[in-house]
């Protein structure tokens, strides 16, 4: 079981990306911005992180 973090400011994109890993019984967490993502990264060690460059650049 992998732990996956999906970071995107668009909820539809986050929902779409998390569908396949959930079918494989992987744990998926989502964040709508970099601030939330950093909080999650402080608490959990993820195997995979998927992010949009736009979202990442908006937070710095």
Protein backbone atom coordinates (compact mmCIF):
# COMPACT_ATOMS: atom_id res chain seq x y z
CA UNK A 1 0.00 0.00 0.00
CA UNK A 2 1.47 3.33 -1.10
CA UNK A 3 0.83 6.74 0.42
CA UNK A 4 0.16 9.34 -2.26
CA UNK A 5 -0.22 13.11 -1.95
CA UNK A 6 -2.10 14.96 -4.71
CA UNK A 7 -1.69 18.74 -4.78
CA UNK A 8 -3.82 20.83 -7.13
CA UNK A 9 -5.96 23.93 -6.74
CA UNK A 10 -8.75 22.46 -8.89
CA UNK A 11 -10.98 20.03 -7.00
CA UNK A 12 -12.03 18.18 -10.18
CA UNK A 13 -8.39 17.42 -11.01
CA UNK A 14 -7.67 16.21 -7.47
CA UNK A 15 -10.74 13.96 -7.55
CA UNK A 16 -9.82 12.52 -10.95
CA UNK A 17 -6.19 11.81 -10.05
CA UNK A 18 -7.11 10.00 -6.84
CA UNK A 19 -9.54 7.53 -8.48
CA UNK A 20 -7.02 4.99 -9.77
CA UNK A 21 -4.80 4.74 -6.67
CA UNK A 22 -7.87 4.25 -4.46
CA UNK A 23 -8.92 1.31 -6.64
CA UNK A 24 -5.53 -0.24 -5.88
CA UNK A 25 -6.13 0.27 -2.13
CA UNK A 26 -3.46 2.95 -1.89
CA UNK A 27 -3.89 5.79 0.60
CA UNK A 28 -4.48 9.12 -1.14
CA UNK A 29 -4.52 12.51 0.54
CA UNK A 30 -5.18 15.76 -1.27
CA UNK A 31 -4.22 19.38 -0.74
CA UNK A 32 -5.57 22.43 -2.52
CA UNK A 33 -2.46 24.55 -2.02
CA UNK A 34 1.17 24.46 -1.02
CA UNK A 35 0.55 25.53 2.56
CA UNK A 36 -1.72 22.55 3.23
CA UNK A 37 0.67 20.26 1.36
CA UNK A 38 3.60 21.32 3.56
CA UNK A 39 1.55 20.61 6.69
CA UNK A 40 0.75 17.12 5.38
CA UNK A 41 4.38 16.53 4.39
CA UNK A 42 5.48 17.39 7.93
CA UNK A 43 3.21 14.67 9.31
CA UNK A 44 3.42 11.85 6.75
CA UNK A 45 6.13 10.24 4.63
CA UNK A 46 4.65 9.81 1.13
CA UNK A 47 5.82 7.38 -1.54
CA UNK A 48 4.48 9.53 -4.39
CA UNK A 49 3.56 13.20 -4.75
CA UNK A 50 1.60 14.54 -7.73
CA UNK A 51 1.36 18.31 -8.14
CA UNK A 52 0.58 20.90 -10.75
CA UNK A 53 3.34 23.39 -11.46
CA UNK A 54 0.82 26.21 -11.31
CA UNK A 55 -0.22 25.30 -7.77
CA UNK A 56 3.38 24.83 -6.65
CA UNK A 57 4.50 28.15 -8.15
CA UNK A 58 1.60 30.08 -6.60
CA UNK A 59 2.81 29.16 -3.13
CA UNK A 60 6.51 29.53 -3.79
